[in-house]
PDB file of N, CA and C in Angstrom:
ATOM      1  N   MET A   1     -26.029 -18.792 -12.882  1.00  0.00           N
ATOM      2  CA  MET A   1     -25.395 -17.483 -12.857  1.00  0.00           C
ATOM      3  C   MET A   1     -26.163 -16.593 -11.882  1.00  0.00           C
ATOM      4  N   ASN A   2     -25.414 -15.854 -11.080  1.00  0.00           N
ATOM      5  CA  ASN A   2     -26.003 -14.898 -10.145  1.00  0.00           C
ATOM      6  C   ASN A   2     -25.761 -13.499 -10.709  1.00  0.00           C
ATOM      7  N   ILE A   3     -26.815 -12.909 -11.263  1.00  0.00           N
ATOM      8  CA  ILE A   3     -26.690 -11.622 -11.937  1.00  0.00           C
ATOM      9  C   ILE A   3     -26.232 -10.520 -10.983  1.00  0.00           C
ATOM     10  N   TRP A   4     -26.607 -10.591  -9.702  1.00  0.00           N
ATOM     11  CA  TRP A   4     -26.217  -9.557  -8.741  1.00  0.00           C
ATOM     12  C   TRP A   4     -24.717  -9.562  -8.498  1.00  0.00           C
ATOM     13  N   PHE A   5     -24.121 -10.754  -8.475  1.00  0.00           N
ATOM     14  CA  PHE A   5     -22.664 -10.837  -8.317  1.00  0.00           C
ATOM     15  C   PHE A   5     -21.955 -10.344  -9.578  1.00  0.00           C
ATOM     16  N   VAL A   6     -22.538 -10.637 -10.729  1.00  0.00           N
ATOM     17  CA  VAL A   6     -21.957 -10.145 -11.993  1.00  0.00           C
ATOM     18  C   VAL A   6     -22.015  -8.618 -12.027  1.00  0.00           C
ATOM     19  N   ILE A   7     -23.139  -8.056 -11.588  1.00  0.00           N
ATOM     20  CA  ILE A   7     -23.265  -6.592 -11.525  1.00  0.00           C
ATOM     21  C   ILE A   7     -22.242  -6.018 -10.550  1.00  0.00           C
ATOM     22  N   ALA A   8     -22.118  -6.625  -9.371  1.00  0.00           N
ATOM     23  CA  ALA A   8     -21.137  -6.158  -8.381  1.00  0.00           C
ATOM     24  C   ALA A   8     -19.722  -6.256  -8.935  1.00  0.00           C
ATOM     25  N   GLY A   9     -19.448  -7.321  -9.683  1.00  0.00           N
ATOM     26  CA  GLY A   9     -18.126  -7.479 -10.295  1.00  0.00           C
ATOM     27  C   GLY A   9     -17.859  -6.427 -11.348  1.00  0.00           C
ATOM     28  N   ALA A  10     -18.844  -6.165 -12.185  1.00  0.00           N
ATOM     29  CA  ALA A  10     -18.684  -5.137 -13.224  1.00  0.00           C
ATOM     30  C   ALA A  10     -18.494  -3.759 -12.589  1.00  0.00           C
ATOM     31  N   LEU A  11     -19.267  -3.469 -11.551  1.00  0.00           N
ATOM     32  CA  LEU A  11     -19.100  -2.191 -10.844  1.00  0.00           C
ATOM     33  C   LEU A  11     -17.706  -2.086 -10.211  1.00  0.00           C
ATOM     34  N   SER A  12     -17.233  -3.177  -9.662  1.00  0.00           N
ATOM     35  CA  SER A  12     -15.897  -3.183  -9.049  1.00  0.00           C
ATOM     36  C   SER A  12     -14.810  -2.915 -10.088  1.00  0.00           C
ATOM     37  N   ILE A  13     -14.923  -3.539 -11.239  1.00  0.00           N
ATOM     38  CA  ILE A  13     -13.949  -3.300 -12.306  1.00  0.00           C
ATOM     39  C   ILE A  13     -14.023  -1.853 -12.777  1.00  0.00           C
ATOM     40  N   PHE A  14     -15.229  -1.311 -12.878  1.00  0.00           N
ATOM     41  CA  PHE A  14     -15.402   0.096 -13.240  1.00  0.00           C
ATOM     42  C   PHE A  14     -14.711   1.003 -12.209  1.00  0.00           C
ATOM     43  N   VAL A  15     -14.929   0.732 -10.932  1.00  0.00           N
ATOM     44  CA  VAL A  15     -14.291   1.528  -9.876  1.00  0.00           C
ATOM     45  C   VAL A  15     -12.775   1.375  -9.939  1.00  0.00           C
ATOM     46  N   CYS A  16     -12.306   0.182 -10.234  1.00  0.00           N
ATOM     47  CA  CYS A  16     -10.860  -0.037 -10.361  1.00  0.00           C
ATOM     48  C   CYS A  16     -10.289   0.810 -11.503  1.00  0.00           C
ATOM     49  N   LEU A  17     -10.984   0.836 -12.614  1.00  0.00           N
ATOM     50  CA  LEU A  17     -10.519   1.649 -13.750  1.00  0.00           C
ATOM     51  C   LEU A  17     -10.551   3.141 -13.418  1.00  0.00           C
ATOM     52  N   LEU A  18     -11.589   3.584 -12.708  1.00  0.00           N
ATOM     53  CA  LEU A  18     -11.625   4.979 -12.245  1.00  0.00           C
ATOM     54  C   LEU A  18     -10.433   5.270 -11.338  1.00  0.00           C
ATOM     55  N   HIS A  19     -10.166   4.337 -10.435  1.00  0.00           N
ATOM     56  CA  HIS A  19      -9.042   4.480  -9.509  1.00  0.00           C
ATOM     57  C   HIS A  19      -7.726   4.612 -10.280  1.00  0.00           C
ATOM     58  N   ILE A  20      -7.552   3.774 -11.282  1.00  0.00           N
ATOM     59  CA  ILE A  20      -6.307   3.795 -12.054  1.00  0.00           C
ATOM     60  C   ILE A  20      -6.164   5.094 -12.834  1.00  0.00           C
ATOM     61  N   PHE A  21      -7.186   5.437 -13.598  1.00  0.00           N
ATOM     62  CA  PHE A  21      -7.044   6.578 -14.516  1.00  0.00           C
ATOM     63  C   PHE A  21      -7.320   7.925 -13.849  1.00  0.00           C
ATOM     64  N   LEU A  22      -8.435   8.056 -13.160  1.00  0.00           N
ATOM     65  CA  LEU A  22      -8.733   9.325 -12.498  1.00  0.00           C
ATOM     66  C   LEU A  22      -7.880   9.481 -11.240  1.00  0.00           C
ATOM     67  N   GLY A  23      -7.800   8.414 -10.461  1.00  0.00           N
ATOM     68  CA  GLY A  23      -6.981   8.448  -9.245  1.00  0.00           C
ATOM     69  C   GLY A  23      -5.506   8.630  -9.548  1.00  0.00           C
ATOM     70  N   GLY A  24      -5.068   8.051 -10.639  1.00  0.00           N
ATOM     71  CA  GLY A  24      -3.673   8.247 -11.037  1.00  0.00           C
ATOM     72  C   GLY A  24      -3.368   9.705 -11.307  1.00  0.00           C
ATOM     73  N   ARG A  25      -4.297  10.361 -11.988  1.00  0.00           N
ATOM     74  CA  ARG A  25      -4.108  11.770 -12.314  1.00  0.00           C
ATOM     75  C   ARG A  25      -4.302  12.673 -11.096  1.00  0.00           C
ATOM     76  N   GLU A  26      -5.316  12.380 -10.274  1.00  0.00           N
ATOM     77  CA  GLU A  26      -5.675  13.258  -9.166  1.00  0.00           C
ATOM     78  C   GLU A  26      -4.921  12.972  -7.867  1.00  0.00           C
ATOM     79  N   ALA A  27      -4.427  11.769  -7.687  1.00  0.00           N
ATOM     80  CA  ALA A  27      -3.788  11.408  -6.417  1.00  0.00           C
ATOM     81  C   ALA A  27      -2.345  10.944  -6.590  1.00  0.00           C
ATOM     82  N   ALA A  28      -2.130   9.950  -7.425  1.00  0.00           N
ATOM     83  CA  ALA A  28      -0.790   9.367  -7.535  1.00  0.00           C
ATOM     84  C   ALA A  28       0.214  10.327  -8.178  1.00  0.00           C
ATOM     85  N   LYS A  29      -0.190  10.980  -9.250  1.00  0.00           N
ATOM     86  CA  LYS A  29       0.721  11.890  -9.947  1.00  0.00           C
ATOM     87  C   LYS A  29       1.170  13.059  -9.050  1.00  0.00           C
ATOM     88  N   PRO A  30       0.234  13.755  -8.365  1.00  0.00           N
ATOM     89  CA  PRO A  30       0.667  14.819  -7.454  1.00  0.00           C
ATOM     90  C   PRO A  30       1.504  14.297  -6.288  1.00  0.00           C
ATOM     91  N   LEU A  31       1.180  13.101  -5.828  1.00  0.00           N
ATOM     92  CA  LEU A  31       1.960  12.497  -4.753  1.00  0.00           C
ATOM     93  C   LEU A  31       3.415  12.332  -5.183  1.00  0.00           C
ATOM     94  N   LEU A  32       3.636  11.782  -6.353  1.00  0.00           N
ATOM     95  CA  LEU A  32       4.994  11.560  -6.844  1.00  0.00           C
ATOM     96  C   LEU A  32       5.717  12.862  -7.172  1.00  0.00           C
ATOM     97  N   ALA A  33       4.957  13.887  -7.514  1.00  0.00           N
ATOM     98  CA  ALA A  33       5.565  15.186  -7.842  1.00  0.00           C
ATOM     99  C   ALA A  33       5.903  16.006  -6.600  1.00  0.00           C
ATOM    100  N   SER A  34       5.418  15.582  -5.447  1.00  0.00           N
ATOM    101  CA  SER A  34       5.615  16.347  -4.218  1.00  0.00           C
ATOM    102  C   SER A  34       7.091  16.467  -3.859  1.00  0.00           C
ATOM    103  N   LYS A  35       7.484  17.690  -3.550  1.00  0.00           N
ATOM    104  CA  LYS A  35       8.856  17.954  -3.085  1.00  0.00           C
ATOM    105  C   LYS A  35       8.905  18.002  -1.555  1.00  0.00           C
ATOM    106  N   GLU A  36       7.735  18.084  -0.927  1.00  0.00           N
ATOM    107  CA  GLU A  36       7.657  18.217   0.523  1.00  0.00           C
ATOM    108  C   GLU A  36       7.757  16.882   1.254  1.00  0.00           C
ATOM    109  N   LEU A  37       7.320  15.819   0.608  1.00  0.00           N
ATOM    110  CA  LEU A  37       7.373  14.499   1.233  1.00  0.00           C
ATOM    111  C   LEU A  37       8.747  13.874   1.029  1.00  0.00           C
ATOM    112  N   GLY A  38       9.183  13.176   2.057  1.00  0.00           N
ATOM    113  CA  GLY A  38      10.426  12.426   1.928  1.00  0.00           C
ATOM    114  C   GLY A  38      10.219  11.204   1.053  1.00  0.00           C
ATOM    115  N   ARG A  39      11.320  10.638   0.598  1.00  0.00           N
ATOM    116  CA  ARG A  39      11.273   9.470  -0.293  1.00  0.00           C
ATOM    117  C   ARG A  39      10.482   8.305   0.322  1.00  0.00           C
ATOM    118  N   THR A  40      10.705   8.016   1.592  1.00  0.00           N
ATOM    119  CA  THR A  40      10.023   6.895   2.234  1.00  0.00           C
ATOM    120  C   THR A  40       8.520   7.134   2.300  1.00  0.00           C
ATOM    121  N   ALA A  41       8.099   8.313   2.733  1.00  0.00           N
ATOM    122  CA  ALA A  41       6.668   8.623   2.820  1.00  0.00           C
ATOM    123  C   ALA A  41       6.027   8.593   1.433  1.00  0.00           C
ATOM    124  N   LYS A  42       6.692   9.177   0.469  1.00  0.00           N
ATOM    125  CA  LYS A  42       6.160   9.262  -0.887  1.00  0.00           C
ATOM    126  C   LYS A  42       5.949   7.875  -1.484  1.00  0.00           C
ATOM    127  N   TYR A  43       6.968   7.036  -1.424  1.00  0.00           N
ATOM    128  CA  TYR A  43       6.858   5.740  -2.081  1.00  0.00           C
ATOM    129  C   TYR A  43       6.073   4.721  -1.263  1.00  0.00           C
ATOM    130  N   THR A  44       5.978   4.914   0.037  1.00  0.00           N
ATOM    131  CA  THR A  44       5.096   4.063   0.835  1.00  0.00           C
ATOM    132  C   THR A  44       3.644   4.357   0.475  1.00  0.00           C
ATOM    133  N   ASN A  45       3.296   5.635   0.333  1.00  0.00           N
ATOM    134  CA  ASN A  45       1.942   6.001  -0.075  1.00  0.00           C
ATOM    135  C   ASN A  45       1.644   5.534  -1.497  1.00  0.00           C
ATOM    136  N   TYR A  46       2.616   5.638  -2.367  1.00  0.00           N
ATOM    137  CA  TYR A  46       2.434   5.174  -3.743  1.00  0.00           C
ATOM    138  C   TYR A  46       2.240   3.655  -3.774  1.00  0.00           C
ATOM    139  N   TYR A  47       2.975   2.950  -2.943  1.00  0.00           N
ATOM    140  CA  TYR A  47       2.822   1.506  -2.797  1.00  0.00           C
ATOM    141  C   TYR A  47       1.397   1.179  -2.323  1.00  0.00           C
ATOM    142  N   CYS A  48       0.905   1.925  -1.338  1.00  0.00           N
ATOM    143  CA  CYS A  48      -0.453   1.710  -0.828  1.00  0.00           C
ATOM    144  C   CYS A  48      -1.498   1.983  -1.905  1.00  0.00           C
ATOM    145  N   TRP A  49      -1.245   2.982  -2.728  1.00  0.00           N
ATOM    146  CA  TRP A  49      -2.167   3.280  -3.824  1.00  0.00           C
ATOM    147  C   TRP A  49      -2.277   2.054  -4.745  1.00  0.00           C
ATOM    148  N   HIS A  50      -1.153   1.416  -5.009  1.00  0.00           N
ATOM    149  CA  HIS A  50      -1.163   0.214  -5.846  1.00  0.00           C
ATOM    150  C   HIS A  50      -1.837  -0.957  -5.136  1.00  0.00           C
ATOM    151  N   LEU A  51      -1.676  -1.056  -3.814  1.00  0.00           N
ATOM    152  CA  LEU A  51      -2.366  -2.119  -3.077  1.00  0.00           C
ATOM    153  C   LEU A  51      -3.879  -1.970  -3.199  1.00  0.00           C
ATOM    154  N   VAL A  52      -4.366  -0.741  -3.174  1.00  0.00           N
ATOM    155  CA  VAL A  52      -5.797  -0.498  -3.363  1.00  0.00           C
ATOM    156  C   VAL A  52      -6.215  -0.928  -4.769  1.00  0.00           C
ATOM    157  N   THR A  53      -5.419  -0.590  -5.761  1.00  0.00           N
ATOM    158  CA  THR A  53      -5.717  -0.999  -7.139  1.00  0.00           C
ATOM    159  C   THR A  53      -5.853  -2.519  -7.223  1.00  0.00           C
ATOM    160  N   ILE A  54      -4.894  -3.211  -6.663  1.00  0.00           N
ATOM    161  CA  ILE A  54      -4.905  -4.681  -6.680  1.00  0.00           C
ATOM    162  C   ILE A  54      -6.122  -5.215  -5.929  1.00  0.00           C
ATOM    163  N   SER A  55      -6.414  -4.638  -4.773  1.00  0.00           N
ATOM    164  CA  SER A  55      -7.553  -5.101  -3.960  1.00  0.00           C
ATOM    165  C   SER A  55      -8.876  -4.939  -4.692  1.00  0.00           C
ATOM    166  N   ILE A  56      -9.080  -3.796  -5.328  1.00  0.00           N
ATOM    167  CA  ILE A  56     -10.345  -3.577  -6.035  1.00  0.00           C
ATOM    168  C   ILE A  56     -10.451  -4.506  -7.246  1.00  0.00           C
ATOM    169  N   ALA A  57      -9.349  -4.726  -7.948  1.00  0.00           N
ATOM    170  CA  ALA A  57      -9.359  -5.645  -9.096  1.00  0.00           C
ATOM    171  C   ALA A  57      -9.684  -7.067  -8.641  1.00  0.00           C
ATOM    172  N   ILE A  58      -9.070  -7.502  -7.567  1.00  0.00           N
ATOM    173  CA  ILE A  58      -9.339  -8.851  -7.053  1.00  0.00           C
ATOM    174  C   ILE A  58     -10.776  -8.960  -6.561  1.00  0.00           C
ATOM    175  N   MET A  59     -11.269  -7.896  -5.930  1.00  0.00           N
ATOM    176  CA  MET A  59     -12.655  -7.877  -5.470  1.00  0.00           C
ATOM    177  C   MET A  59     -13.594  -8.085  -6.667  1.00  0.00           C
ATOM    178  N   GLY A  60     -13.325  -7.388  -7.765  1.00  0.00           N
ATOM    179  CA  GLY A  60     -14.129  -7.571  -8.969  1.00  0.00           C
ATOM    180  C   GLY A  60     -14.052  -8.997  -9.484  1.00  0.00           C
ATOM    181  N   GLY A  61     -12.860  -9.555  -9.491  1.00  0.00           N
ATOM    182  CA  GLY A  61     -12.687 -10.945  -9.924  1.00  0.00           C
ATOM    183  C   GLY A  61     -13.424 -11.928  -9.038  1.00  0.00           C
ATOM    184  N   MET A  62     -13.416 -11.672  -7.735  1.00  0.00           N
ATOM    185  CA  MET A  62     -14.132 -12.554  -6.798  1.00  0.00           C
ATOM    186  C   MET A  62     -15.631 -12.533  -7.074  1.00  0.00           C
ATOM    187  N   PHE A  63     -16.168 -11.335  -7.277  1.00  0.00           N
ATOM    188  CA  PHE A  63     -17.600 -11.240  -7.596  1.00  0.00           C
ATOM    189  C   PHE A  63     -17.918 -11.938  -8.919  1.00  0.00           C
ATOM    190  N   LEU A  64     -17.103 -11.687  -9.937  1.00  0.00           N
ATOM    191  CA  LEU A  64     -17.379 -12.288 -11.247  1.00  0.00           C
ATOM    192  C   LEU A  64     -17.248 -13.804 -11.203  1.00  0.00           C
ATOM    193  N   TRP A  65     -16.235 -14.294 -10.524  1.00  0.00           N
ATOM    194  CA  TRP A  65     -16.052 -15.738 -10.432  1.00  0.00           C
ATOM    195  C   TRP A  65     -17.257 -16.377  -9.740  1.00  0.00           C
ATOM    196  N   THR A  66     -17.696 -15.737  -8.665  1.00  0.00           N
ATOM    197  CA  THR A  66     -18.862 -16.243  -7.953  1.00  0.00           C
ATOM    198  C   THR A  66     -20.120 -16.112  -8.810  1.00  0.00           C
ATOM    199  N   GLY A  67     -20.220 -14.999  -9.535  1.00  0.00           N
ATOM    200  CA  GLY A  67     -21.390 -14.786 -10.378  1.00  0.00           C
ATOM    201  C   GLY A  67     -21.555 -15.846 -11.444  1.00  0.00           C
ATOM    202  N   PHE A  68     -20.441 -16.419 -11.883  1.00  0.00           N
ATOM    203  CA  PHE A  68     -20.506 -17.441 -12.924  1.00  0.00           C
ATOM    204  C   PHE A  68     -20.352 -18.856 -12.375  1.00  0.00           C
ATOM    205  N   GLY A  69     -20.570 -19.025 -11.061  1.00  0.00           N
ATOM    206  CA  GLY A  69     -20.686 -20.380 -10.565  1.00  0.00           C
ATOM    207  C   GLY A  69     -19.842 -20.798  -9.382  1.00  0.00           C
ATOM    208  N   ALA A  70     -18.849 -20.033  -8.960  1.00  0.00           N
ATOM    209  CA  ALA A  70     -18.056 -20.434  -7.795  1.00  0.00           C
ATOM    210  C   ALA A  70     -18.904 -20.272  -6.537  1.00  0.00           C
ATOM    211  N   GLY A  71     -18.400 -20.761  -5.421  1.00  0.00           N
ATOM    212  CA  GLY A  71     -19.119 -20.680  -4.151  1.00  0.00           C
ATOM    213  C   GLY A  71     -19.371 -19.241  -3.710  1.00  0.00           C
ATOM    214  N   TRP A  72     -20.409 -19.067  -2.924  1.00  0.00           N
ATOM    215  CA  TRP A  72     -20.835 -17.758  -2.451  1.00  0.00           C
ATOM    216  C   TRP A  72     -19.830 -17.108  -1.499  1.00  0.00           C
ATOM    217  N   GLU A  73     -18.906 -17.889  -0.951  1.00  0.00           N
ATOM    218  CA  GLU A  73     -17.967 -17.365   0.048  1.00  0.00           C
ATOM    219  C   GLU A  73     -17.102 -16.235  -0.499  1.00  0.00           C
ATOM    220  N   LEU A  74     -16.697 -16.354  -1.758  1.00  0.00           N
ATOM    221  CA  LEU A  74     -15.888 -15.280  -2.353  1.00  0.00           C
ATOM    222  C   LEU A  74     -16.682 -13.981  -2.442  1.00  0.00           C
ATOM    223  N   ALA A  75     -17.952 -14.078  -2.783  1.00  0.00           N
ATOM    224  CA  ALA A  75     -18.803 -12.889  -2.851  1.00  0.00           C
ATOM    225  C   ALA A  75     -19.007 -12.292  -1.465  1.00  0.00           C
ATOM    226  N   LEU A  76     -19.070 -13.129  -0.463  1.00  0.00           N
ATOM    227  CA  LEU A  76     -19.200 -12.628   0.909  1.00  0.00           C
ATOM    228  C   LEU A  76     -17.974 -11.810   1.285  1.00  0.00           C
ATOM    229  N   VAL A  77     -16.792 -12.354   1.012  1.00  0.00           N
ATOM    230  CA  VAL A  77     -15.545 -11.627   1.315  1.00  0.00           C
ATOM    231  C   VAL A  77     -15.477 -10.329   0.515  1.00  0.00           C
ATOM    232  N   ALA A  78     -15.818 -10.375  -0.756  1.00  0.00           N
ATOM    233  CA  ALA A  78     -15.787  -9.175  -1.596  1.00  0.00           C
ATOM    234  C   ALA A  78     -16.792  -8.141  -1.099  1.00  0.00           C
ATOM    235  N   SER A  79     -17.959  -8.582  -0.655  1.00  0.00           N
ATOM    236  CA  SER A  79     -18.967  -7.661  -0.119  1.00  0.00           C
ATOM    237  C   SER A  79     -18.478  -7.004   1.169  1.00  0.00           C
ATOM    238  N   ILE A  80     -17.811  -7.786   2.004  1.00  0.00           N
ATOM    239  CA  ILE A  80     -17.257  -7.236   3.244  1.00  0.00           C
ATOM    240  C   ILE A  80     -16.184  -6.195   2.921  1.00  0.00           C
ATOM    241  N   LEU A  81     -15.304  -6.510   1.970  1.00  0.00           N
ATOM    242  CA  LEU A  81     -14.282  -5.534   1.568  1.00  0.00           C
ATOM    243  C   LEU A  81     -14.907  -4.245   1.051  1.00  0.00           C
ATOM    244  N   ALA A  82     -15.884  -4.371   0.158  1.00  0.00           N
ATOM    245  CA  ALA A  82     -16.545  -3.182  -0.389  1.00  0.00           C
ATOM    246  C   ALA A  82     -17.228  -2.392   0.728  1.00  0.00           C
ATOM    247  N   GLY A  83     -17.850  -3.086   1.651  1.00  0.00           N
ATOM    248  CA  GLY A  83     -18.499  -2.419   2.779  1.00  0.00           C
ATOM    249  C   GLY A  83     -17.512  -1.675   3.657  1.00  0.00           C
ATOM    250  N   LEU A  84     -16.380  -2.302   3.918  1.00  0.00           N
ATOM    251  CA  LEU A  84     -15.352  -1.642   4.736  1.00  0.00           C
ATOM    252  C   LEU A  84     -14.738  -0.449   4.015  1.00  0.00           C
ATOM    253  N   PHE A  85     -14.527  -0.570   2.702  1.00  0.00           N
ATOM    254  CA  PHE A  85     -14.017   0.573   1.925  1.00  0.00           C
ATOM    255  C   PHE A  85     -15.019   1.729   1.990  1.00  0.00           C
ATOM    256  N   CYS A  86     -16.296   1.407   1.870  1.00  0.00           N
ATOM    257  CA  CYS A  86     -17.353   2.413   1.931  1.00  0.00           C
ATOM    258  C   CYS A  86     -17.382   3.084   3.307  1.00  0.00           C
ATOM    259  N   LEU A  87     -17.400   2.276   4.349  1.00  0.00           N
ATOM    260  CA  LEU A  87     -17.453   2.822   5.709  1.00  0.00           C
ATOM    261  C   LEU A  87     -16.222   3.650   6.056  1.00  0.00           C
ATOM    262  N   TRP A  88     -15.050   3.217   5.621  1.00  0.00           N
ATOM    263  CA  TRP A  88     -13.843   3.982   5.927  1.00  0.00           C
ATOM    264  C   TRP A  88     -13.861   5.334   5.232  1.00  0.00           C
ATOM    265  N   SER A  89     -14.387   5.381   4.028  1.00  0.00           N
ATOM    266  CA  SER A  89     -14.521   6.654   3.316  1.00  0.00           C
ATOM    267  C   SER A  89     -15.420   7.613   4.098  1.00  0.00           C
ATOM    268  N   VAL A  90     -16.559   7.106   4.570  1.00  0.00           N
ATOM    269  CA  VAL A  90     -17.460   7.934   5.394  1.00  0.00           C
ATOM    270  C   VAL A  90     -16.756   8.314   6.693  1.00  0.00           C
ATOM    271  N   GLY A  91     -16.019   7.371   7.266  1.00  0.00           N
ATOM    272  CA  GLY A  91     -15.289   7.645   8.508  1.00  0.00           C
ATOM    273  C   GLY A  91     -14.277   8.770   8.361  1.00  0.00           C
ATOM    274  N   ILE A  92     -13.585   8.804   7.256  1.00  0.00           N
ATOM    275  CA  ILE A  92     -12.614   9.877   7.020  1.00  0.00           C
ATOM    276  C   ILE A  92     -13.325  11.222   6.953  1.00  0.00           C
ATOM    277  N   VAL A  93     -14.476  11.262   6.315  1.00  0.00           N
ATOM    278  CA  VAL A  93     -15.250  12.500   6.241  1.00  0.00           C
ATOM    279  C   VAL A  93     -15.655  12.944   7.644  1.00  0.00           C
ATOM    280  N   VAL A  94     -16.187  12.026   8.422  1.00  0.00           N
ATOM    281  CA  VAL A  94     -16.648  12.349   9.775  1.00  0.00           C
ATOM    282  C   VAL A  94     -15.481  12.795  10.648  1.00  0.00           C
ATOM    283  N   LEU A  95     -14.375  12.061  10.613  1.00  0.00           N
ATOM    284  CA  LEU A  95     -13.213  12.403  11.443  1.00  0.00           C
ATOM    285  C   LEU A  95     -12.637  13.775  11.097  1.00  0.00           C
ATOM    286  N   ASN A  96     -12.764  14.174   9.846  1.00  0.00           N
ATOM    287  CA  ASN A  96     -12.231  15.460   9.410  1.00  0.00           C
ATOM    288  C   ASN A  96     -13.298  16.552   9.338  1.00  0.00           C
ATOM    289  N   LYS A  97     -14.482  16.244   9.869  1.00  0.00           N
ATOM    290  CA  LYS A  97     -15.589  17.206   9.900  1.00  0.00           C
ATOM    291  C   LYS A  97     -15.875  17.805   8.518  1.00  0.00           C
ATOM    292  N   GLY A  98     -15.808  16.950   7.516  1.00  0.00           N
ATOM    293  CA  GLY A  98     -16.059  17.397   6.152  1.00  0.00           C
ATOM    294  C   GLY A  98     -17.471  17.081   5.721  1.00  0.00           C
ATOM    295  N   ARG A  99     -17.705  17.215   4.451  1.00  0.00           N
ATOM    296  CA  ARG A  99     -18.994  16.875   3.850  1.00  0.00           C
ATOM    297  C   ARG A  99     -18.813  15.615   3.014  1.00  0.00           C
ATOM    298  N   LEU A 100     -19.861  14.817   2.946  1.00  0.00           N
ATOM    299  CA  LEU A 100     -19.772  13.555   2.210  1.00  0.00           C
ATOM    300  C   LEU A 100     -19.347  13.749   0.766  1.00  0.00           C
ATOM    301  N   TRP A 101     -19.704  14.881   0.163  1.00  0.00           N
ATOM    302  CA  TRP A 101     -19.377  15.098  -1.247  1.00  0.00           C
ATOM    303  C   TRP A 101     -17.933  15.539  -1.450  1.00  0.00           C
ATOM    304  N   GLN A 102     -17.236  15.882  -0.352  1.00  0.00           N
ATOM    305  CA  GLN A 102     -15.827  16.270  -0.474  1.00  0.00           C
ATOM    306  C   GLN A 102     -14.927  15.045  -0.645  1.00  0.00           C
ATOM    307  N   PHE A 103     -15.405  13.908  -0.232  1.00  0.00           N
ATOM    308  CA  PHE A 103     -14.640  12.665  -0.296  1.00  0.00           C
ATOM    309  C   PHE A 103     -15.615  11.562  -0.718  1.00  0.00           C
ATOM    310  N   PRO A 104     -16.030  11.539  -1.993  1.00  0.00           N
ATOM    311  CA  PRO A 104     -17.169  10.718  -2.419  1.00  0.00           C
ATOM    312  C   PRO A 104     -16.860   9.253  -2.744  1.00  0.00           C
ATOM    313  N   GLN A 105     -15.718   8.751  -2.344  1.00  0.00           N
ATOM    314  CA  GLN A 105     -15.407   7.357  -2.685  1.00  0.00           C
ATOM    315  C   GLN A 105     -16.453   6.386  -2.144  1.00  0.00           C
ATOM    316  N   TRP A 106     -17.054   6.725  -1.018  1.00  0.00           N
ATOM    317  CA  TRP A 106     -18.098   5.869  -0.446  1.00  0.00           C
ATOM    318  C   TRP A 106     -19.211   5.628  -1.454  1.00  0.00           C
ATOM    319  N   LEU A 107     -19.495   6.645  -2.257  1.00  0.00           N
ATOM    320  CA  LEU A 107     -20.578   6.560  -3.230  1.00  0.00           C
ATOM    321  C   LEU A 107     -20.269   5.536  -4.331  1.00  0.00           C
ATOM    322  N   LEU A 108     -19.007   5.312  -4.591  1.00  0.00           N
ATOM    323  CA  LEU A 108     -18.625   4.311  -5.591  1.00  0.00           C
ATOM    324  C   LEU A 108     -18.777   2.890  -5.044  1.00  0.00           C
ATOM    325  N   PHE A 109     -18.535   2.725  -3.747  1.00  0.00           N
ATOM    326  CA  PHE A 109     -18.587   1.391  -3.157  1.00  0.00           C
ATOM    327  C   PHE A 109     -19.979   0.983  -2.696  1.00  0.00           C
ATOM    328  N   ALA A 110     -20.846   1.951  -2.392  1.00  0.00           N
ATOM    329  CA  ALA A 110     -22.188   1.634  -1.893  1.00  0.00           C
ATOM    330  C   ALA A 110     -22.993   0.750  -2.860  1.00  0.00           C
ATOM    331  N   PRO A 111     -23.016   1.026  -4.177  1.00  0.00           N
ATOM    332  CA  PRO A 111     -23.764   0.141  -5.084  1.00  0.00           C
ATOM    333  C   PRO A 111     -23.152  -1.266  -5.164  1.00  0.00           C
ATOM    334  N   ILE A 112     -21.849  -1.359  -5.008  1.00  0.00           N
ATOM    335  CA  ILE A 112     -21.193  -2.671  -5.016  1.00  0.00           C
ATOM    336  C   ILE A 112     -21.664  -3.473  -3.817  1.00  0.00           C
ATOM    337  N   VAL A 113     -21.692  -2.825  -2.645  1.00  0.00           N
ATOM    338  CA  VAL A 113     -22.171  -3.490  -1.430  1.00  0.00           C
ATOM    339  C   VAL A 113     -23.624  -3.927  -1.619  1.00  0.00           C
ATOM    340  N   ALA A 114     -24.445  -3.020  -2.146  1.00  0.00           N
ATOM    341  CA  ALA A 114     -25.861  -3.341  -2.336  1.00  0.00           C
ATOM    342  C   ALA A 114     -26.048  -4.541  -3.263  1.00  0.00           C
ATOM    343  N   ALA A 115     -25.343  -4.557  -4.388  1.00  0.00           N
ATOM    344  CA  ALA A 115     -25.461  -5.681  -5.327  1.00  0.00           C
ATOM    345  C   ALA A 115     -24.921  -6.976  -4.704  1.00  0.00           C
ATOM    346  N   GLY A 116     -23.804  -6.861  -3.987  1.00  0.00           N
ATOM    347  CA  GLY A 116     -23.239  -8.044  -3.337  1.00  0.00           C
ATOM    348  C   GLY A 116     -24.185  -8.633  -2.298  1.00  0.00           C
ATOM    349  N   LEU A 117     -24.782  -7.756  -1.489  1.00  0.00           N
ATOM    350  CA  LEU A 117     -25.719  -8.242  -0.470  1.00  0.00           C
ATOM    351  C   LEU A 117     -26.974  -8.827  -1.108  1.00  0.00           C
ATOM    352  N   LYS A 118     -27.457  -8.193  -2.160  1.00  0.00           N
ATOM    353  CA  LYS A 118     -28.626  -8.710  -2.872  1.00  0.00           C
ATOM    354  C   LYS A 118     -28.332 -10.111  -3.430  1.00  0.00           C
ATOM    355  N   GLY A 119     -27.133 -10.281  -3.975  1.00  0.00           N
ATOM    356  CA  GLY A 119     -26.749 -11.590  -4.494  1.00  0.00           C
ATOM    357  C   GLY A 119     -26.620 -12.644  -3.418  1.00  0.00           C
ATOM    358  N   LEU A 120     -26.249 -12.233  -2.224  1.00  0.00           N
ATOM    359  CA  LEU A 120     -26.104 -13.177  -1.124  1.00  0.00           C
ATOM    360  C   LEU A 120     -27.441 -13.624  -0.548  1.00  0.00           C
ATOM    361  N   LEU A 121     -28.476 -12.806  -0.776  1.00  0.00           N
ATOM    362  CA  LEU A 121     -29.802 -13.146  -0.214  1.00  0.00           C
ATOM    363  C   LEU A 121     -30.512 -14.169  -1.018  1.00  0.00           C
TER     364      LEU A 121
END
């Protein structure tokens, strides 16, 4: 058993649950309630929100599966995904000249990346 992959998997599942419950209330619900967005824009964004949910859940599963004995390749892919999610969050802040705390999703993915990389070493 690789405890670092198990930790990364547990963190990923935690982030997925935050995404579902907090993100549902803070992002998805207002999106669907919007009268300003057209139907196509609204439901395409809602579809993307669900794709993120699925991606984070699968990422957690990849880490957990690897943590309990599967090949390291799944953890590598999951670590790359978490790293890209983290970097894109920081990128959005930089592109919009904001502050890191205004868009803190990177902070949720950084420990996942750290645990995944530690497990790979």
